[in-house]
PDB file of N, CA and C in Angstrom:
ATOM      1  N   MET A   1     170.670  97.596  84.678  1.00  0.00           N
ATOM      2  CA  MET A   1     169.834  98.385  85.580  1.00  0.00           C
ATOM      3  C   MET A   1     169.733  99.811  85.049  1.00  0.00           C
ATOM      4  N   ALA A   2     168.557 100.383  85.094  1.00  0.00           N
ATOM      5  CA  ALA A   2     168.341 101.736  84.580  1.00  0.00           C
ATOM      6  C   ALA A   2     169.021 102.762  85.474  1.00  0.00           C
ATOM      7  N   SER A   3     169.542 103.790  84.846  1.00  0.00           N
ATOM      8  CA  SER A   3     170.160 104.851  85.641  1.00  0.00           C
ATOM      9  C   SER A   3     169.070 105.683  86.309  1.00  0.00           C
ATOM     10  N   LYS A   4     169.467 106.504  87.271  1.00  0.00           N
ATOM     11  CA  LYS A   4     168.487 107.320  87.992  1.00  0.00           C
ATOM     12  C   LYS A   4     167.732 108.234  87.039  1.00  0.00           C
ATOM     13  N   LYS A   5     168.443 108.748  86.009  1.00  0.00           N
ATOM     14  CA  LYS A   5     167.790 109.637  85.045  1.00  0.00           C
ATOM     15  C   LYS A   5     166.700 108.908  84.270  1.00  0.00           C
ATOM     16  N   ASP A   6     166.922 107.612  83.992  1.00  0.00           N
ATOM     17  CA  ASP A   6     165.968 106.843  83.212  1.00  0.00           C
ATOM     18  C   ASP A   6     164.900 106.185  84.066  1.00  0.00           C
ATOM     19  N   SER A   7     165.067 106.224  85.377  1.00  0.00           N
ATOM     20  CA  SER A   7     164.084 105.591  86.247  1.00  0.00           C
ATOM     21  C   SER A   7     162.816 106.447  86.287  1.00  0.00           C
ATOM     22  N   TYR A   8     161.734 105.822  86.687  1.00  0.00           N
ATOM     23  CA  TYR A   8     160.464 106.538  86.811  1.00  0.00           C
ATOM     24  C   TYR A   8     160.613 107.715  87.764  1.00  0.00           C
ATOM     25  N   GLU A   9     161.263 107.446  88.882  1.00  0.00           N
ATOM     26  CA  GLU A   9     161.431 108.496  89.898  1.00  0.00           C
ATOM     27  C   GLU A   9     162.289 109.641  89.375  1.00  0.00           C
ATOM     28  N   GLY A  10     163.357 109.296  88.642  1.00  0.00           N
ATOM     29  CA  GLY A  10     164.233 110.319  88.070  1.00  0.00           C
ATOM     30  C   GLY A  10     163.502 111.188  87.059  1.00  0.00           C
ATOM     31  N   MET A  11     162.685 110.536  86.224  1.00  0.00           N
ATOM     32  CA  MET A  11     161.908 111.305  85.235  1.00  0.00           C
ATOM     33  C   MET A  11     160.885 112.206  85.922  1.00  0.00           C
ATOM     34  N   MET A  12     160.279 111.699  87.008  1.00  0.00           N
ATOM     35  CA  MET A  12     159.305 112.518  87.744  1.00  0.00           C
ATOM     36  C   MET A  12     159.980 113.742  88.359  1.00  0.00           C
ATOM     37  N   GLU A  13     161.159 113.552  88.926  1.00  0.00           N
ATOM     38  CA  GLU A  13     161.888 114.677  89.513  1.00  0.00           C
ATOM     39  C   GLU A  13     162.190 115.740  88.456  1.00  0.00           C
ATOM     40  N   LYS A  14     162.624 115.276  87.284  1.00  0.00           N
ATOM     41  CA  LYS A  14     162.953 116.211  86.213  1.00  0.00           C
ATOM     42  C   LYS A  14     161.693 116.953  85.752  1.00  0.00           C
ATOM     43  N   LEU A  15     160.590 116.235  85.613  1.00  0.00           N
ATOM     44  CA  LEU A  15     159.338 116.874  85.198  1.00  0.00           C
ATOM     45  C   LEU A  15     158.882 117.892  86.236  1.00  0.00           C
ATOM     46  N   GLU A  16     158.999 117.553  87.503  1.00  0.00           N
ATOM     47  CA  GLU A  16     158.618 118.488  88.568  1.00  0.00           C
ATOM     48  C   GLU A  16     159.475 119.751  88.534  1.00  0.00           C
ATOM     49  N   LYS A  17     160.773 119.597  88.233  1.00  0.00           N
ATOM     50  CA  LYS A  17     161.656 120.762  88.130  1.00  0.00           C
ATOM     51  C   LYS A  17     161.262 121.630  86.938  1.00  0.00           C
ATOM     52  N   ILE A  18     160.963 120.993  85.827  1.00  0.00           N
ATOM     53  CA  ILE A  18     160.536 121.745  84.639  1.00  0.00           C
ATOM     54  C   ILE A  18     159.279 122.542  84.959  1.00  0.00           C
ATOM     55  N   LEU A  19     158.317 121.899  85.612  1.00  0.00           N
ATOM     56  CA  LEU A  19     157.071 122.580  85.961  1.00  0.00           C
ATOM     57  C   LEU A  19     157.317 123.755  86.902  1.00  0.00           C
ATOM     58  N   ALA A  20     158.184 123.542  87.881  1.00  0.00           N
ATOM     59  CA  ALA A  20     158.489 124.619  88.829  1.00  0.00           C
ATOM     60  C   ALA A  20     159.135 125.802  88.103  1.00  0.00           C
ATOM     61  N   ASP A  21     160.071 125.512  87.197  1.00  0.00           N
ATOM     62  CA  ASP A  21     160.717 126.582  86.427  1.00  0.00           C
ATOM     63  C   ASP A  21     159.697 127.356  85.597  1.00  0.00           C
ATOM     64  N   MET A  22     158.764 126.630  85.000  1.00  0.00           N
ATOM     65  CA  MET A  22     157.753 127.283  84.161  1.00  0.00           C
ATOM     66  C   MET A  22     156.779 128.102  85.006  1.00  0.00           C
ATOM     67  N   GLU A  23     156.443 127.596  86.184  1.00  0.00           N
ATOM     68  CA  GLU A  23     155.505 128.304  87.049  1.00  0.00           C
ATOM     69  C   GLU A  23     156.093 129.587  87.605  1.00  0.00           C
ATOM     70  N   ASP A  24     157.419 129.658  87.719  1.00  0.00           N
ATOM     71  CA  ASP A  24     158.071 130.884  88.198  1.00  0.00           C
ATOM     72  C   ASP A  24     157.772 132.070  87.289  1.00  0.00           C
ATOM     73  N   GLY A  25     157.615 131.803  86.007  1.00  0.00           N
ATOM     74  CA  GLY A  25     157.295 132.874  85.062  1.00  0.00           C
ATOM     75  C   GLY A  25     158.482 133.723  84.668  1.00  0.00           C
ATOM     76  N   ASN A  26     159.702 133.288  84.972  1.00  0.00           N
ATOM     77  CA  ASN A  26     160.888 134.071  84.660  1.00  0.00           C
ATOM     78  C   ASN A  26     161.597 133.612  83.388  1.00  0.00           C
ATOM     79  N   LEU A  27     161.000 132.679  82.663  1.00  0.00           N
ATOM     80  CA  LEU A  27     161.624 132.160  81.452  1.00  0.00           C
ATOM     81  C   LEU A  27     161.180 132.954  80.235  1.00  0.00           C
ATOM     82  N   SER A  28     162.065 133.024  79.262  1.00  0.00           N
ATOM     83  CA  SER A  28     161.693 133.649  78.000  1.00  0.00           C
ATOM     84  C   SER A  28     160.711 132.723  77.271  1.00  0.00           C
ATOM     85  N   LEU A  29     160.062 133.232  76.267  1.00  0.00           N
ATOM     86  CA  LEU A  29     159.117 132.426  75.503  1.00  0.00           C
ATOM     87  C   LEU A  29     159.831 131.225  74.892  1.00  0.00           C
ATOM     88  N   GLU A  30     161.024 131.457  74.365  1.00  0.00           N
ATOM     89  CA  GLU A  30     161.796 130.376  73.744  1.00  0.00           C
ATOM     90  C   GLU A  30     162.111 129.270  74.749  1.00  0.00           C
ATOM     91  N   LYS A  31     162.571 129.655  75.938  1.00  0.00           N
ATOM     92  CA  LYS A  31     162.892 128.664  76.975  1.00  0.00           C
ATOM     93  C   LYS A  31     161.632 127.974  77.483  1.00  0.00           C
ATOM     94  N   THR A  32     160.542 128.715  77.579  1.00  0.00           N
ATOM     95  CA  THR A  32     159.278 128.127  78.016  1.00  0.00           C
ATOM     96  C   THR A  32     158.835 127.054  77.037  1.00  0.00           C
ATOM     97  N   LEU A  33     158.935 127.345  75.733  1.00  0.00           N
ATOM     98  CA  LEU A  33     158.556 126.352  74.727  1.00  0.00           C
ATOM     99  C   LEU A  33     159.459 125.126  74.779  1.00  0.00           C
ATOM    100  N   LYS A  34     160.754 125.346  75.004  1.00  0.00           N
ATOM    101  CA  LYS A  34     161.693 124.226  75.122  1.00  0.00           C
ATOM    102  C   LYS A  34     161.334 123.373  76.335  1.00  0.00           C
ATOM    103  N   HIS A  35     161.050 124.027  77.462  1.00  0.00           N
ATOM    104  CA  HIS A  35     160.655 123.297  78.682  1.00  0.00           C
ATOM    105  C   HIS A  35     159.350 122.535  78.449  1.00  0.00           C
ATOM    106  N   TYR A  36     158.414 123.159  77.749  1.00  0.00           N
ATOM    107  CA  TYR A  36     157.131 122.508  77.464  1.00  0.00           C
ATOM    108  C   TYR A  36     157.360 121.238  76.646  1.00  0.00           C
ATOM    109  N   GLU A  37     158.202 121.358  75.630  1.00  0.00           N
ATOM    110  CA  GLU A  37     158.498 120.205  74.782  1.00  0.00           C
ATOM    111  C   GLU A  37     159.165 119.085  75.589  1.00  0.00           C
ATOM    112  N   GLU A  38     160.136 119.434  76.409  1.00  0.00           N
ATOM    113  CA  GLU A  38     160.801 118.455  77.274  1.00  0.00           C
ATOM    114  C   GLU A  38     159.804 117.802  78.230  1.00  0.00           C
ATOM    115  N   GLY A  39     158.950 118.625  78.800  1.00  0.00           N
ATOM    116  CA  GLY A  39     157.949 118.124  79.733  1.00  0.00           C
ATOM    117  C   GLY A  39     156.994 117.144  79.080  1.00  0.00           C
ATOM    118  N   MET A  40     156.582 117.447  77.862  1.00  0.00           N
ATOM    119  CA  MET A  40     155.667 116.552  77.153  1.00  0.00           C
ATOM    120  C   MET A  40     156.354 115.229  76.811  1.00  0.00           C
ATOM    121  N   GLU A  41     157.627 115.283  76.454  1.00  0.00           N
ATOM    122  CA  GLU A  41     158.371 114.049  76.180  1.00  0.00           C
ATOM    123  C   GLU A  41     158.460 113.195  77.447  1.00  0.00           C
ATOM    124  N   LEU A  42     158.768 113.832  78.561  1.00  0.00           N
ATOM    125  CA  LEU A  42     158.832 113.107  79.829  1.00  0.00           C
ATOM    126  C   LEU A  42     157.469 112.543  80.203  1.00  0.00           C
ATOM    127  N   TYR A  43     156.437 113.344  80.024  1.00  0.00           N
ATOM    128  CA  TYR A  43     155.073 112.894  80.328  1.00  0.00           C
ATOM    129  C   TYR A  43     154.746 111.628  79.540  1.00  0.00           C
ATOM    130  N   ASN A  44     155.075 111.629  78.251  1.00  0.00           N
ATOM    131  CA  ASN A  44     154.783 110.472  77.414  1.00  0.00           C
ATOM    132  C   ASN A  44     155.570 109.241  77.863  1.00  0.00           C
ATOM    133  N   LYS A  45     156.836 109.423  78.245  1.00  0.00           N
ATOM    134  CA  LYS A  45     157.631 108.303  78.747  1.00  0.00           C
ATOM    135  C   LYS A  45     157.049 107.769  80.051  1.00  0.00           C
ATOM    136  N   LEU A  46     156.653 108.679  80.937  1.00  0.00           N
ATOM    137  CA  LEU A  46     156.071 108.267  82.211  1.00  0.00           C
ATOM    138  C   LEU A  46     154.761 107.522  81.999  1.00  0.00           C
ATOM    139  N   TYR A  47     153.946 108.015  81.087  1.00  0.00           N
ATOM    140  CA  TYR A  47     152.666 107.379  80.781  1.00  0.00           C
ATOM    141  C   TYR A  47     152.897 105.964  80.249  1.00  0.00           C
ATOM    142  N   LYS A  48     153.860 105.832  79.346  1.00  0.00           N
ATOM    143  CA  LYS A  48     154.186 104.522  78.779  1.00  0.00           C
ATOM    144  C   LYS A  48     154.678 103.575  79.873  1.00  0.00           C
ATOM    145  N   THR A  49     155.539 104.075  80.749  1.00  0.00           N
ATOM    146  CA  THR A  49     156.066 103.262  81.847  1.00  0.00           C
ATOM    147  C   THR A  49     154.938 102.770  82.748  1.00  0.00           C
ATOM    148  N   LEU A  50     153.997 103.650  83.077  1.00  0.00           N
ATOM    149  CA  LEU A  50     152.877 103.258  83.931  1.00  0.00           C
ATOM    150  C   LEU A  50     151.978 102.233  83.241  1.00  0.00           C
ATOM    151  N   ASN A  51     151.727 102.420  81.953  1.00  0.00           N
ATOM    152  CA  ASN A  51     150.902 101.462  81.219  1.00  0.00           C
ATOM    153  C   ASN A  51     151.553 100.086  81.173  1.00  0.00           C
ATOM    154  N   GLU A  52     152.879 100.054  80.958  1.00  0.00           N
ATOM    155  CA  GLU A  52     153.594  98.784  80.941  1.00  0.00           C
ATOM    156  C   GLU A  52     153.515  98.108  82.314  1.00  0.00           C
ATOM    157  N   ALA A  53     153.685  98.879  83.363  1.00  0.00           N
ATOM    158  CA  ALA A  53     153.612  98.332  84.715  1.00  0.00           C
ATOM    159  C   ALA A  53     152.207  97.797  84.995  1.00  0.00           C
ATOM    160  N   GLU A  54     151.202  98.531  84.573  1.00  0.00           N
ATOM    161  CA  GLU A  54     149.820  98.087  84.774  1.00  0.00           C
ATOM    162  C   GLU A  54     149.565  96.771  84.050  1.00  0.00           C
ATOM    163  N   GLY A  55     150.092  96.657  82.830  1.00  0.00           N
ATOM    164  CA  GLY A  55     149.928  95.415  82.071  1.00  0.00           C
ATOM    165  C   GLY A  55     150.587  94.241  82.774  1.00  0.00           C
ATOM    166  N   LYS A  56     151.789  94.455  83.302  1.00  0.00           N
ATOM    167  CA  LYS A  56     152.482  93.393  84.022  1.00  0.00           C
ATOM    168  C   LYS A  56     151.714  92.985  85.267  1.00  0.00           C
ATOM    169  N   ILE A  57     151.163  93.955  85.968  1.00  0.00           N
ATOM    170  CA  ILE A  57     150.394  93.661  87.183  1.00  0.00           C
ATOM    171  C   ILE A  57     149.153  92.846  86.837  1.00  0.00           C
ATOM    172  N   LYS A  58     148.491  93.213  85.740  1.00  0.00           N
ATOM    173  CA  LYS A  58     147.301  92.453  85.328  1.00  0.00           C
ATOM    174  C   LYS A  58     147.666  91.011  85.013  1.00  0.00           C
ATOM    175  N   VAL A  59     148.759  90.810  84.275  1.00  0.00           N
ATOM    176  CA  VAL A  59     149.185  89.452  83.933  1.00  0.00           C
ATOM    177  C   VAL A  59     149.521  88.671  85.192  1.00  0.00           C
ATOM    178  N   LEU A  60     150.285  89.273  86.077  1.00  0.00           N
ATOM    179  CA  LEU A  60     150.653  88.582  87.317  1.00  0.00           C
ATOM    180  C   LEU A  60     149.424  88.259  88.158  1.00  0.00           C
ATOM    181  N   THR A  61     148.496  89.198  88.230  1.00  0.00           N
ATOM    182  CA  THR A  61     147.288  88.988  89.012  1.00  0.00           C
ATOM    183  C   THR A  61     146.443  87.877  88.412  1.00  0.00           C
ATOM    184  N   GLU A  62     146.273  87.903  87.081  1.00  0.00           N
ATOM    185  CA  GLU A  62     145.472  86.867  86.428  1.00  0.00           C
ATOM    186  C   GLU A  62     146.108  85.500  86.613  1.00  0.00           C
ATOM    187  N   ASN A  63     147.430  85.414  86.447  1.00  0.00           N
ATOM    188  CA  ASN A  63     148.119  84.132  86.638  1.00  0.00           C
ATOM    189  C   ASN A  63     148.006  83.675  88.078  1.00  0.00           C
ATOM    190  N   GLY A  64     148.138  84.582  89.015  1.00  0.00           N
ATOM    191  CA  GLY A  64     148.011  84.239  90.425  1.00  0.00           C
ATOM    192  C   GLY A  64     146.623  83.732  90.753  1.00  0.00           C
ATOM    193  N   GLU A  65     145.607  84.361  90.184  1.00  0.00           N
ATOM    194  CA  GLU A  65     144.232  83.923  90.426  1.00  0.00           C
ATOM    195  C   GLU A  65     144.006  82.533  89.836  1.00  0.00           C
ATOM    196  N   LYS A  66     144.539  82.293  88.638  1.00  0.00           N
ATOM    197  CA  LYS A  66     144.378  80.975  88.012  1.00  0.00           C
ATOM    198  C   LYS A  66     145.060  79.909  88.853  1.00  0.00           C
ATOM    199  N   ASP A  67     146.295  80.195  89.293  1.00  0.00           N
ATOM    200  CA  ASP A  67     147.022  79.240  90.128  1.00  0.00           C
ATOM    201  C   ASP A  67     146.271  78.986  91.434  1.00  0.00           C
ATOM    202  N   PHE A  68     145.735  80.029  92.033  1.00  0.00           N
ATOM    203  CA  PHE A  68     145.003  79.905  93.284  1.00  0.00           C
ATOM    204  C   PHE A  68     143.742  79.057  93.080  1.00  0.00           C
ATOM    205  N   LEU A  69     143.039  79.313  91.976  1.00  0.00           N
ATOM    206  CA  LEU A  69     141.818  78.545  91.703  1.00  0.00           C
ATOM    207  C   LEU A  69     142.145  77.073  91.467  1.00  0.00           C
ATOM    208  N   LYS A  70     143.244  76.792  90.758  1.00  0.00           N
ATOM    209  CA  LYS A  70     143.656  75.410  90.527  1.00  0.00           C
ATOM    210  C   LYS A  70     143.943  74.713  91.850  1.00  0.00           C
ATOM    211  N   GLU A  71     144.653  75.386  92.744  1.00  0.00           N
ATOM    212  CA  GLU A  71     144.983  74.807  94.051  1.00  0.00           C
ATOM    213  C   GLU A  71     143.720  74.582  94.866  1.00  0.00           C
ATOM    214  N   SER A  72     142.765  75.501  94.784  1.00  0.00           N
ATOM    215  CA  SER A  72     141.526  75.364  95.543  1.00  0.00           C
ATOM    216  C   SER A  72     140.725  74.179  95.029  1.00  0.00           C
ATOM    217  N   ASP A  73     140.703  73.972  93.706  1.00  0.00           N
ATOM    218  CA  ASP A  73     139.954  72.858  93.125  1.00  0.00           C
ATOM    219  C   ASP A  73     140.531  71.516  93.544  1.00  0.00           C
ATOM    220  N   THR A  74     141.846  71.414  93.657  1.00  0.00           N
ATOM    221  CA  THR A  74     142.472  70.148  94.031  1.00  0.00           C
ATOM    222  C   THR A  74     142.340  69.844  95.513  1.00  0.00           C
ATOM    223  N   ASN A  75     142.100  70.874  96.319  1.00  0.00           N
ATOM    224  CA  ASN A  75     141.958  70.673  97.765  1.00  0.00           C
ATOM    225  C   ASN A  75     140.549  70.256  98.163  1.00  0.00           C
ATOM    226  N   GLU A  76     139.613  70.343  97.270  1.00  0.00           N
ATOM    227  CA  GLU A  76     138.216  70.024  97.635  1.00  0.00           C
ATOM    228  C   GLU A  76     137.952  68.562  97.616  1.00  0.00           C
TER     229      GLU A  76
END
């Protein structure tokens, strides 16, 4: 099981904190760049996670529709 840090929700929380820190405007340029880099890495992981989930949903939906159509054909 994924830890909270590795979960989608955990990554979103971390990204939101990074954004809030950057929006405060109290970070040095060096820290801002580090936060930006971290944020982009998290963004890419989140994007990948969502794409994988979307793919799984499409497969499940397509299989469900095929199974449903097969059952409907046999009931006629």
